[in-house]
């Protein structure tokens, strides 16, 4: 009976080590998934920031045009330019 005990002990030892290795690999897989999730979240945040910067650049590009229109000059009576009366 001693001869059967040794292979079973060795097999149990191998099974235990495989289970331990699988548990460690599971932790590593969780870490990899967490890192991938974090990187995806960072990429999403960077894309959102790029979108906001593009919107700001668009607004700044048209700012000079916005400043040209809508002049609200209040002329004092008697000091109006000639084209002021032609526009009325």
PDB file of N, CA and C in Angstrom:
ATOM      1  N   UNK A   1       0.802  -1.194   0.000  1.00  0.00           N
ATOM      2  CA  UNK A   1       0.000   0.000   0.000  1.00  0.00           C
ATOM      3  C   UNK A   1       0.848   1.262   0.000  1.00  0.00           C
ATOM      4  N   UNK A   2       2.002   1.179   0.424  1.00  0.00           N
ATOM      5  CA  UNK A   2       2.878   2.328   0.440  1.00  0.00           C
ATOM      6  C   UNK A   2       3.172   2.820  -0.970  1.00  0.00           C
ATOM      7  N   UNK A   3       3.169   1.938  -1.940  1.00  0.00           N
ATOM      8  CA  UNK A   3       3.506   2.344  -3.297  1.00  0.00           C
ATOM      9  C   UNK A   3       2.381   3.180  -3.924  1.00  0.00           C
ATOM     10  N   UNK A   4       1.121   2.951  -3.519  1.00  0.00           N
ATOM     11  CA  UNK A   4       0.020   3.742  -4.054  1.00  0.00           C
ATOM     12  C   UNK A   4      -0.084   5.095  -3.364  1.00  0.00           C
ATOM     13  N   UNK A   5       0.399   5.219  -2.196  1.00  0.00           N
ATOM     14  CA  UNK A   5       0.312   6.456  -1.442  1.00  0.00           C
ATOM     15  C   UNK A   5       1.180   7.551  -2.051  1.00  0.00           C
ATOM     16  N   UNK A   6       2.330   7.217  -2.511  1.00  0.00           N
ATOM     17  CA  UNK A   6       3.253   8.209  -3.072  1.00  0.00           C
ATOM     18  C   UNK A   6       2.685   8.874  -4.330  1.00  0.00           C
ATOM     19  N   UNK A   7       2.186   8.119  -5.339  1.00  0.00           N
ATOM     20  CA  UNK A   7       1.630   8.796  -6.510  1.00  0.00           C
ATOM     21  C   UNK A   7       0.408   9.662  -6.172  1.00  0.00           C
ATOM     22  N   UNK A   8      -0.427   9.226  -5.244  1.00  0.00           N
ATOM     23  CA  UNK A   8      -1.583  10.030  -4.867  1.00  0.00           C
ATOM     24  C   UNK A   8      -1.155  11.313  -4.172  1.00  0.00           C
ATOM     25  N   UNK A   9      -0.145  11.220  -3.361  1.00  0.00           N
ATOM     26  CA  UNK A   9       0.370  12.409  -2.697  1.00  0.00           C
ATOM     27  C   UNK A   9       0.951  13.374  -3.727  1.00  0.00           C
ATOM     28  N   UNK A  10       1.677  12.843  -4.673  1.00  0.00           N
ATOM     29  CA  UNK A  10       2.258  13.676  -5.727  1.00  0.00           C
ATOM     30  C   UNK A  10       1.153  14.302  -6.575  1.00  0.00           C
ATOM     31  N   UNK A  11       0.144  13.534  -6.902  1.00  0.00           N
ATOM     32  CA  UNK A  11      -0.973  14.041  -7.692  1.00  0.00           C
ATOM     33  C   UNK A  11      -1.733  15.124  -6.918  1.00  0.00           C
ATOM     34  N   UNK A  12      -1.928  14.937  -5.627  1.00  0.00           N
ATOM     35  CA  UNK A  12      -2.599  15.948  -4.810  1.00  0.00           C
ATOM     36  C   UNK A  12      -1.758  17.224  -4.722  1.00  0.00           C
ATOM     37  N   UNK A  13      -0.460  17.051  -4.630  1.00  0.00           N
ATOM     38  CA  UNK A  13       0.440  18.197  -4.580  1.00  0.00           C
ATOM     39  C   UNK A  13       0.392  18.983  -5.899  1.00  0.00           C
ATOM     40  N   UNK A  14       0.376  18.265  -7.000  1.00  0.00           N
ATOM     41  CA  UNK A  14       0.292  18.913  -8.314  1.00  0.00           C
ATOM     42  C   UNK A  14      -1.061  19.622  -8.459  1.00  0.00           C
ATOM     43  N   UNK A  15      -2.131  18.985  -8.040  1.00  0.00           N
ATOM     44  CA  UNK A  15      -3.459  19.584  -8.130  1.00  0.00           C
ATOM     45  C   UNK A  15      -3.544  20.841  -7.266  1.00  0.00           C
ATOM     46  N   UNK A  16      -2.976  20.775  -6.082  1.00  0.00           N
ATOM     47  CA  UNK A  16      -2.971  21.943  -5.208  1.00  0.00           C
ATOM     48  C   UNK A  16      -2.205  23.096  -5.846  1.00  0.00           C
ATOM     49  N   UNK A  17      -1.034  22.810  -6.387  1.00  0.00           N
ATOM     50  CA  UNK A  17      -0.239  23.854  -7.023  1.00  0.00           C
ATOM     51  C   UNK A  17      -0.932  24.420  -8.265  1.00  0.00           C
ATOM     52  N   UNK A  18      -1.615  23.571  -9.022  1.00  0.00           N
ATOM     53  CA  UNK A  18      -2.366  24.061 -10.173  1.00  0.00           C
ATOM     54  C   UNK A  18      -3.520  24.960  -9.739  1.00  0.00           C
ATOM     55  N   UNK A  19      -4.204  24.586  -8.681  1.00  0.00           N
ATOM     56  CA  UNK A  19      -5.302  25.412  -8.169  1.00  0.00           C
ATOM     57  C   UNK A  19      -4.769  26.754  -7.679  1.00  0.00           C
ATOM     58  N   UNK A  20      -3.631  26.724  -6.994  1.00  0.00           N
ATOM     59  CA  UNK A  20      -3.018  27.962  -6.528  1.00  0.00           C
ATOM     60  C   UNK A  20      -2.607  28.841  -7.705  1.00  0.00           C
ATOM     61  N   UNK A  21      -2.008  28.223  -8.708  1.00  0.00           N
ATOM     62  CA  UNK A  21      -1.605  28.959  -9.902  1.00  0.00           C
ATOM     63  C   UNK A  21      -2.813  29.562 -10.609  1.00  0.00           C
ATOM     64  N   UNK A  22      -3.898  28.792 -10.708  1.00  0.00           N
ATOM     65  CA  UNK A  22      -5.112  29.304 -11.342  1.00  0.00           C
ATOM     66  C   UNK A  22      -5.690  30.482 -10.555  1.00  0.00           C
ATOM     67  N   UNK A  23      -5.627  30.426  -9.241  1.00  0.00           N
ATOM     68  CA  UNK A  23      -6.133  31.549  -8.448  1.00  0.00           C
ATOM     69  C   UNK A  23      -5.279  32.792  -8.683  1.00  0.00           C
ATOM     70  N   UNK A  24      -3.969  32.632  -8.774  1.00  0.00           N
ATOM     71  CA  UNK A  24      -3.090  33.769  -9.052  1.00  0.00           C
ATOM     72  C   UNK A  24      -3.334  34.313 -10.456  1.00  0.00           C
ATOM     73  N   UNK A  25      -3.538  33.433 -11.422  1.00  0.00           N
ATOM     74  CA  UNK A  25      -3.825  33.873 -12.786  1.00  0.00           C
ATOM     75  C   UNK A  25      -5.156  34.606 -12.854  1.00  0.00           C
ATOM     76  N   UNK A  26      -6.104  34.193 -12.028  1.00  0.00           N
ATOM     77  CA  UNK A  26      -7.388  34.892 -11.970  1.00  0.00           C
ATOM     78  C   UNK A  26      -7.199  36.313 -11.463  1.00  0.00           C
ATOM     79  N   UNK A  27      -6.382  36.487 -10.439  1.00  0.00           N
ATOM     80  CA  UNK A  27      -6.092  37.830  -9.936  1.00  0.00           C
ATOM     81  C   UNK A  27      -5.407  38.683 -11.004  1.00  0.00           C
ATOM     82  N   UNK A  28      -4.488  38.062 -11.728  1.00  0.00           N
ATOM     83  CA  UNK A  28      -3.806  38.790 -12.800  1.00  0.00           C
ATOM     84  C   UNK A  28      -4.800  39.181 -13.887  1.00  0.00           C
ATOM     85  N   UNK A  29      -5.713  38.270 -14.236  1.00  0.00           N
ATOM     86  CA  UNK A  29      -6.728  38.577 -15.254  1.00  0.00           C
ATOM     87  C   UNK A  29      -7.622  39.713 -14.778  1.00  0.00           C
ATOM     88  N   UNK A  30      -8.014  39.712 -13.515  1.00  0.00           N
ATOM     89  CA  UNK A  30      -8.809  40.814 -12.972  1.00  0.00           C
ATOM     90  C   UNK A  30      -8.041  42.128 -13.074  1.00  0.00           C
ATOM     91  N   UNK A  31      -6.756  42.086 -12.755  1.00  0.00           N
ATOM     92  CA  UNK A  31      -5.938  43.297 -12.827  1.00  0.00           C
ATOM     93  C   UNK A  31      -5.835  43.800 -14.261  1.00  0.00           C
ATOM     94  N   UNK A  32      -5.667  42.901 -15.209  1.00  0.00           N
ATOM     95  CA  UNK A  32      -5.572  43.296 -16.617  1.00  0.00           C
ATOM     96  C   UNK A  32      -6.891  43.915 -17.078  1.00  0.00           C
ATOM     97  N   UNK A  33      -7.997  43.324 -16.698  1.00  0.00           N
ATOM     98  CA  UNK A  33      -9.303  43.868 -17.076  1.00  0.00           C
ATOM     99  C   UNK A  33      -9.512  45.233 -16.441  1.00  0.00           C
ATOM    100  N   UNK A  34      -9.115  45.382 -15.194  1.00  0.00           N
ATOM    101  CA  UNK A  34      -9.260  46.663 -14.511  1.00  0.00           C
ATOM    102  C   UNK A  34      -8.402  47.736 -15.182  1.00  0.00           C
ATOM    103  N   UNK A  35      -7.184  47.369 -15.553  1.00  0.00           N
ATOM    104  CA  UNK A  35      -6.306  48.320 -16.240  1.00  0.00           C
ATOM    105  C   UNK A  35      -6.895  48.698 -17.597  1.00  0.00           C
ATOM    106  N   UNK A  36      -7.427  47.725 -18.333  1.00  0.00           N
ATOM    107  CA  UNK A  36      -8.041  48.009 -19.633  1.00  0.00           C
ATOM    108  C   UNK A  36      -9.254  48.925 -19.459  1.00  0.00           C
ATOM    109  N   UNK A  37     -10.054  48.664 -18.447  1.00  0.00           N
ATOM    110  CA  UNK A  37     -11.211  49.516 -18.166  1.00  0.00           C
ATOM    111  C   UNK A  37     -10.767  50.938 -17.832  1.00  0.00           C
ATOM    112  N   UNK A  38      -9.738  51.059 -17.020  1.00  0.00           N
ATOM    113  CA  UNK A  38      -9.235  52.375 -16.641  1.00  0.00           C
ATOM    114  C   UNK A  38      -8.695  53.118 -17.856  1.00  0.00           C
ATOM    115  N   UNK A  39      -7.956  52.426 -18.720  1.00  0.00           N
ATOM    116  CA  UNK A  39      -7.427  53.057 -19.927  1.00  0.00           C
ATOM    117  C   UNK A  39      -8.558  53.490 -20.865  1.00  0.00           C
ATOM    118  N   UNK A  40      -9.601  52.682 -20.951  1.00  0.00           N
ATOM    119  CA  UNK A  40     -10.745  53.056 -21.788  1.00  0.00           C
ATOM    120  C   UNK A  40     -11.438  54.290 -21.217  1.00  0.00           C
ATOM    121  N   UNK A  41     -11.556  54.358 -19.918  1.00  0.00           N
ATOM    122  CA  UNK A  41     -12.166  55.525 -19.282  1.00  0.00           C
ATOM    123  C   UNK A  41     -11.327  56.777 -19.512  1.00  0.00           C
ATOM    124  N   UNK A  42      -9.999  56.634 -19.430  1.00  0.00           N
ATOM    125  CA  UNK A  42      -9.107  57.766 -19.688  1.00  0.00           C
ATOM    126  C   UNK A  42      -9.225  58.204 -21.146  1.00  0.00           C
ATOM    127  N   UNK A  43      -9.309  57.246 -22.066  1.00  0.00           N
ATOM    128  CA  UNK A  43      -9.468  57.588 -23.481  1.00  0.00           C
ATOM    129  C   UNK A  43     -10.787  58.325 -23.710  1.00  0.00           C
ATOM    130  N   UNK A  44     -11.839  57.896 -23.043  1.00  0.00           N
ATOM    131  CA  UNK A  44     -13.132  58.577 -23.151  1.00  0.00           C
ATOM    132  C   UNK A  44     -13.032  60.000 -22.626  1.00  0.00           C
ATOM    133  N   UNK A  45     -12.366  60.176 -21.493  1.00  0.00           N
ATOM    134  CA  UNK A  45     -12.216  61.512 -20.914  1.00  0.00           C
ATOM    135  C   UNK A  45     -11.389  62.409 -21.834  1.00  0.00           C
ATOM    136  N   UNK A  46     -10.329  61.868 -22.426  1.00  0.00           N
ATOM    137  CA  UNK A  46      -9.511  62.653 -23.346  1.00  0.00           C
ATOM    138  C   UNK A  46     -10.294  63.035 -24.597  1.00  0.00           C
ATOM    139  N   UNK A  47     -11.129  62.129 -25.077  1.00  0.00           N
ATOM    140  CA  UNK A  47     -11.957  62.448 -26.243  1.00  0.00           C
ATOM    141  C   UNK A  47     -12.946  63.550 -25.897  1.00  0.00           C
ATOM    142  N   UNK A  48     -13.501  63.514 -24.719  1.00  0.00           N
ATOM    143  CA  UNK A  48     -14.432  64.551 -24.284  1.00  0.00           C
ATOM    144  C   UNK A  48     -13.726  65.900 -24.163  1.00  0.00           C
ATOM    145  N   UNK A  49     -12.504  65.888 -23.642  1.00  0.00           N
ATOM    146  CA  UNK A  49     -11.720  67.117 -23.528  1.00  0.00           C
ATOM    147  C   UNK A  49     -11.387  67.655 -24.922  1.00  0.00           C
ATOM    148  N   UNK A  50     -11.021  66.752 -25.840  1.00  0.00           N
ATOM    149  CA  UNK A  50     -10.728  67.182 -27.210  1.00  0.00           C
ATOM    150  C   UNK A  50     -11.963  67.793 -27.859  1.00  0.00           C
ATOM    151  N   UNK A  51     -13.114  67.211 -27.609  1.00  0.00           N
ATOM    152  CA  UNK A  51     -14.363  67.764 -28.139  1.00  0.00           C
ATOM    153  C   UNK A  51     -14.613  69.159 -27.577  1.00  0.00           C
ATOM    154  N   UNK A  52     -14.404  69.334 -26.293  1.00  0.00           N
ATOM    155  CA  UNK A  52     -14.615  70.635 -25.666  1.00  0.00           C
ATOM    156  C   UNK A  52     -13.625  71.668 -26.212  1.00  0.00           C
ATOM    157  N   UNK A  53     -12.374  71.274 -26.401  1.00  0.00           N
ATOM    158  CA  UNK A  53     -11.384  72.193 -26.949  1.00  0.00           C
ATOM    159  C   UNK A  53     -11.713  72.572 -28.389  1.00  0.00           C
ATOM    160  N   UNK A  54     -12.212  71.613 -29.163  1.00  0.00           N
ATOM    161  CA  UNK A  54     -12.617  71.915 -30.538  1.00  0.00           C
ATOM    162  C   UNK A  54     -13.780  72.895 -30.543  1.00  0.00           C
ATOM    163  N   UNK A  55     -14.702  72.724 -29.630  1.00  0.00           N
ATOM    164  CA  UNK A  55     -15.835  73.643 -29.540  1.00  0.00           C
ATOM    165  C   UNK A  55     -15.373  75.044 -29.154  1.00  0.00           C
ATOM    166  N   UNK A  56     -14.429  75.134 -28.232  1.00  0.00           N
ATOM    167  CA  UNK A  56     -13.883  76.431 -27.831  1.00  0.00           C
ATOM    168  C   UNK A  56     -13.140  77.073 -28.998  1.00  0.00           C
ATOM    169  N   UNK A  57     -12.353  76.270 -29.731  1.00  0.00           N
ATOM    170  CA  UNK A  57     -11.634  76.805 -30.888  1.00  0.00           C
ATOM    171  C   UNK A  57     -12.610  77.302 -31.946  1.00  0.00           C
ATOM    172  N   UNK A  58     -13.686  76.587 -32.140  1.00  0.00           N
ATOM    173  CA  UNK A  58     -14.711  77.011 -33.100  1.00  0.00           C
ATOM    174  C   UNK A  58     -15.324  78.347 -32.668  1.00  0.00           C
ATOM    175  N   UNK A  59     -15.625  78.462 -31.393  1.00  0.00           N
ATOM    176  CA  UNK A  59     -16.218  79.704 -30.889  1.00  0.00           C
ATOM    177  C   UNK A  59     -15.231  80.863 -31.000  1.00  0.00           C
ATOM    178  N   UNK A  60     -13.967  80.605 -30.700  1.00  0.00           N
ATOM    179  CA  UNK A  60     -12.970  81.669 -30.787  1.00  0.00           C
ATOM    180  C   UNK A  60     -12.696  82.070 -32.231  1.00  0.00           C
ATOM    181  N   UNK A  61     -12.825  81.128 -33.172  1.00  0.00           N
ATOM    182  CA  UNK A  61     -12.590  81.450 -34.574  1.00  0.00           C
ATOM    183  C   UNK A  61     -13.648  82.421 -35.097  1.00  0.00           C
ATOM    184  N   UNK A  62     -14.863  82.326 -34.596  1.00  0.00           N
ATOM    185  CA  UNK A  62     -15.935  83.200 -35.057  1.00  0.00           C
ATOM    186  C   UNK A  62     -16.173  84.398 -34.147  1.00  0.00           C
ATOM    187  N   UNK A  63     -15.360  84.542 -33.129  1.00  0.00           N
ATOM    188  CA  UNK A  63     -15.516  85.675 -32.218  1.00  0.00           C
ATOM    189  C   UNK A  63     -15.323  87.016 -32.915  1.00  0.00           C
ATOM    190  N   UNK A  64     -14.310  87.194 -33.776  1.00  0.00           N
ATOM    191  CA  UNK A  64     -14.185  88.505 -34.450  1.00  0.00           C
ATOM    192  C   UNK A  64     -15.414  88.862 -35.278  1.00  0.00           C
ATOM    193  N   UNK A  65     -16.028  87.879 -35.930  1.00  0.00           N
ATOM    194  CA  UNK A  65     -17.228  88.158 -36.710  1.00  0.00           C
ATOM    195  C   UNK A  65     -18.389  88.560 -35.805  1.00  0.00           C
ATOM    196  N   UNK A  66     -18.460  87.942 -34.649  1.00  0.00           N
ATOM    197  CA  UNK A  66     -19.536  88.278 -33.714  1.00  0.00           C
ATOM    198  C   UNK A  66     -19.365  89.688 -33.175  1.00  0.00           C
ATOM    199  N   UNK A  67     -18.123  90.116 -33.045  1.00  0.00           N
ATOM    200  CA  UNK A  67     -17.881  91.461 -32.536  1.00  0.00           C
ATOM    201  C   UNK A  67     -18.153  92.528 -33.593  1.00  0.00           C
ATOM    202  N   UNK A  68     -18.104  92.173 -34.865  1.00  0.00           N
ATOM    203  CA  UNK A  68     -18.340  93.147 -35.926  1.00  0.00           C
ATOM    204  C   UNK A  68     -19.810  93.522 -36.064  1.00  0.00           C
ATOM    205  N   UNK A  69     -20.683  92.579 -35.776  1.00  0.00           N
ATOM    206  CA  UNK A  69     -22.110  92.820 -35.983  1.00  0.00           C
ATOM    207  C   UNK A  69     -22.765  93.270 -34.689  1.00  0.00           C
ATOM    208  N   UNK A  70     -23.850  93.937 -34.838  1.00  0.00           N
ATOM    209  CA  UNK A  70     -24.629  94.338 -33.671  1.00  0.00           C
ATOM    210  C   UNK A  70     -24.081  95.567 -32.980  1.00  0.00           C
ATOM    211  N   UNK A  71     -23.510  96.486 -33.712  1.00  0.00           N
ATOM    212  CA  UNK A  71     -22.981  97.710 -33.121  1.00  0.00           C
ATOM    213  C   UNK A  71     -24.139  98.514 -32.523  1.00  0.00           C
ATOM    214  N   UNK A  72     -23.985  98.898 -31.306  1.00  0.00           N
ATOM    215  CA  UNK A  72     -25.061  99.593 -30.615  1.00  0.00           C
ATOM    216  C   UNK A  72     -24.574 100.981 -30.181  1.00  0.00           C
ATOM    217  N   UNK A  73     -24.193 101.799 -31.173  1.00  0.00           N
ATOM    218  CA  UNK A  73     -23.691 103.136 -30.876  1.00  0.00           C
ATOM    219  C   UNK A  73     -24.885 104.068 -30.650  1.00  0.00           C
ATOM    220  N   UNK A  74     -24.813 104.797 -29.586  1.00  0.00           N
ATOM    221  CA  UNK A  74     -25.858 105.765 -29.276  1.00  0.00           C
ATOM    222  C   UNK A  74     -25.310 107.146 -29.629  1.00  0.00           C
ATOM    223  N   UNK A  75     -25.795 107.687 -30.754  1.00  0.00           N
ATOM    224  CA  UNK A  75     -25.340 109.019 -31.165  1.00  0.00           C
ATOM    225  C   UNK A  75     -26.115 110.073 -30.397  1.00  0.00           C
ATOM    226  N   UNK A  76     -25.398 111.090 -30.011  1.00  0.00           N
ATOM    227  CA  UNK A  76     -26.055 112.224 -29.352  1.00  0.00           C
ATOM    228  C   UNK A  76     -26.805 113.040 -30.410  1.00  0.00           C
ATOM    229  N   UNK A  77     -27.950 113.563 -30.078  1.00  0.00           N
ATOM    230  CA  UNK A  77     -28.708 114.372 -31.053  1.00  0.00           C
ATOM    231  C   UNK A  77     -27.865 115.532 -31.578  1.00  0.00           C
ATOM    232  N   UNK A  78     -27.853 115.692 -32.900  1.00  0.00           N
ATOM    233  CA  UNK A  78     -27.091 116.748 -33.548  1.00  0.00           C
ATOM    234  C   UNK A  78     -25.688 116.333 -33.929  1.00  0.00           C
ATOM    235  N   UNK A  79     -25.249 115.166 -33.463  1.00  0.00           N
ATOM    236  CA  UNK A  79     -23.894 114.714 -33.759  1.00  0.00           C
ATOM    237  C   UNK A  79     -23.910 113.417 -34.578  1.00  0.00           C
ATOM    238  N   UNK A  80     -25.021 113.108 -35.211  1.00  0.00           N
ATOM    239  CA  UNK A  80     -25.130 111.868 -35.981  1.00  0.00           C
ATOM    240  C   UNK A  80     -24.392 112.004 -37.308  1.00  0.00           C
ATOM    241  N   UNK A  81     -23.784 110.910 -37.820  1.00  0.00           N
ATOM    242  CA  UNK A  81     -23.158 110.969 -39.138  1.00  0.00           C
ATOM    243  C   UNK A  81     -24.245 110.972 -40.221  1.00  0.00           C
ATOM    244  N   UNK A  82     -23.874 111.304 -41.457  1.00  0.00           N
ATOM    245  CA  UNK A  82     -24.832 111.404 -42.551  1.00  0.00           C
ATOM    246  C   UNK A  82     -25.514 110.061 -42.858  1.00  0.00           C
ATOM    247  N   UNK A  83     -24.745 108.984 -42.791  1.00  0.00           N
ATOM    248  CA  UNK A  83     -25.349 107.682 -43.119  1.00  0.00           C
ATOM    249  C   UNK A  83     -26.352 107.239 -42.071  1.00  0.00           C
ATOM    250  N   UNK A  84     -26.311 107.857 -40.897  1.00  0.00           N
ATOM    251  CA  UNK A  84     -27.271 107.494 -39.865  1.00  0.00           C
ATOM    252  C   UNK A  84     -28.694 107.836 -40.320  1.00  0.00           C
ATOM    253  N   UNK A  85     -28.881 108.965 -40.977  1.00  0.00           N
ATOM    254  CA  UNK A  85     -30.215 109.383 -41.443  1.00  0.00           C
ATOM    255  C   UNK A  85     -30.637 108.598 -42.679  1.00  0.00           C
ATOM    256  N   UNK A  86     -29.666 108.180 -43.489  1.00  0.00           N
ATOM    257  CA  UNK A  86     -29.989 107.418 -44.699  1.00  0.00           C
ATOM    258  C   UNK A  86     -30.486 106.021 -44.350  1.00  0.00           C
ATOM    259  N   UNK A  87     -30.054 105.496 -43.238  1.00  0.00           N
ATOM    260  CA  UNK A  87     -30.461 104.154 -42.847  1.00  0.00           C
ATOM    261  C   UNK A  87     -31.889 104.121 -42.327  1.00  0.00           C
ATOM    262  N   UNK A  88     -32.399 105.247 -41.870  1.00  0.00           N
ATOM    263  CA  UNK A  88     -33.745 105.278 -41.315  1.00  0.00           C
ATOM    264  C   UNK A  88     -34.749 105.225 -42.374  1.00  0.00           C
TER     265      UNK A  88
END
